[in-house]
């Protein structure tokens, strides 16, 4: 059985800069980059890759889906991080 992830639509209009700040508040640390891809890792082993060009850009749905899987964030987590209402 696969875990339930929040709907992608909740983060569709959130800027990349806000998502990165939320990752850092949640304990993820920037570990490196390759081209436009930034890799963030958490002490518990979770890892996410963010495609970053400009802080004001939004992410495409497939990147948001991978972000939600990698972070294991729930809808409550998104509200706590002020990424969703």
Protein backbone atom coordinates (compact mmCIF):
# COMPACT_ATOMS: atom_id res chain seq x y z
CA UNK A 1 0.00 0.00 0.00
CA UNK A 2 1.40 3.42 -0.92
CA UNK A 3 1.31 6.33 1.54
CA UNK A 4 -1.07 9.19 0.87
CA UNK A 5 0.52 12.45 -0.19
CA UNK A 6 -1.16 15.86 -0.27
CA UNK A 7 -2.57 16.92 -3.62
CA UNK A 8 -0.06 18.53 -5.96
CA UNK A 9 -2.44 21.47 -6.44
CA UNK A 10 -1.65 22.70 -2.91
CA UNK A 11 1.90 23.62 -3.97
CA UNK A 12 1.25 24.49 -7.62
CA UNK A 13 1.41 28.28 -7.05
CA UNK A 14 4.08 28.30 -4.32
CA UNK A 15 7.41 29.80 -5.36
CA UNK A 16 10.61 27.77 -5.30
CA UNK A 17 12.11 30.22 -2.80
CA UNK A 18 9.30 29.57 -0.29
CA UNK A 19 9.67 25.82 -0.70
CA UNK A 20 13.43 25.99 -0.10
CA UNK A 21 12.93 28.11 3.04
CA UNK A 22 10.38 25.55 4.29
CA UNK A 23 12.84 22.71 3.63
CA UNK A 24 15.52 24.51 5.62
CA UNK A 25 13.11 25.24 8.51
CA UNK A 26 12.21 21.54 8.52
CA UNK A 27 15.88 20.57 8.95
CA UNK A 28 16.94 19.83 5.37
CA UNK A 29 20.44 21.02 4.47
CA UNK A 30 21.79 21.98 1.07
CA UNK A 31 24.42 19.38 0.15
CA UNK A 32 25.27 20.28 -3.43
CA UNK A 33 24.08 21.01 -6.91
CA UNK A 34 24.51 19.88 -10.45
CA UNK A 35 23.41 22.44 -13.00
CA UNK A 36 20.00 23.72 -11.98
CA UNK A 37 19.34 20.85 -9.57
CA UNK A 38 19.84 21.50 -5.86
CA UNK A 39 20.05 18.55 -3.51
CA UNK A 40 18.79 18.82 0.07
CA UNK A 41 19.26 16.09 2.66
CA UNK A 42 17.73 15.60 6.10
CA UNK A 43 19.57 14.03 9.05
CA UNK A 44 17.10 11.11 9.03
CA UNK A 45 18.08 10.19 5.46
CA UNK A 46 15.33 11.87 3.43
CA UNK A 47 16.57 13.52 0.24
CA UNK A 48 14.94 15.87 -2.26
CA UNK A 49 16.11 17.47 -5.49
CA UNK A 50 14.76 20.90 -6.42
CA UNK A 51 15.06 22.27 -9.94
CA UNK A 52 16.02 25.87 -9.23
CA UNK A 53 16.33 28.72 -11.71
CA UNK A 54 14.78 31.77 -9.98
CA UNK A 55 13.33 32.04 -6.48
CA UNK A 56 10.03 33.36 -7.81
CA UNK A 57 9.48 30.45 -10.24
CA UNK A 58 7.00 27.69 -9.48
CA UNK A 59 7.67 23.99 -9.86
CA UNK A 60 6.09 21.67 -12.43
CA UNK A 61 3.74 18.95 -11.12
CA UNK A 62 6.22 16.06 -11.48
CA UNK A 63 8.80 17.92 -9.34
CA UNK A 64 6.15 18.72 -6.71
CA UNK A 65 5.14 15.04 -6.62
CA UNK A 66 8.77 13.99 -6.10
CA UNK A 67 9.19 16.69 -3.44
CA UNK A 68 6.17 15.40 -1.50
CA UNK A 69 7.40 11.82 -1.74
CA UNK A 70 10.95 12.75 -0.68
CA UNK A 71 9.94 14.95 2.24
CA UNK A 72 7.00 12.78 3.36
CA UNK A 73 5.06 15.97 4.10
CA UNK A 74 1.34 15.71 4.87
CA UNK A 75 -1.32 18.38 4.42
CA UNK A 76 -0.91 19.29 8.10
CA UNK A 77 2.84 19.73 7.57
CA UNK A 78 2.18 22.04 4.60
CA UNK A 79 -0.17 24.16 6.72
CA UNK A 80 2.34 24.24 9.60
CA UNK A 81 5.07 25.40 7.18
CA UNK A 82 2.63 27.98 5.75
CA UNK A 83 2.82 26.52 2.27
CA UNK A 84 -0.92 25.75 2.09
CA UNK A 85 -4.02 27.31 3.60
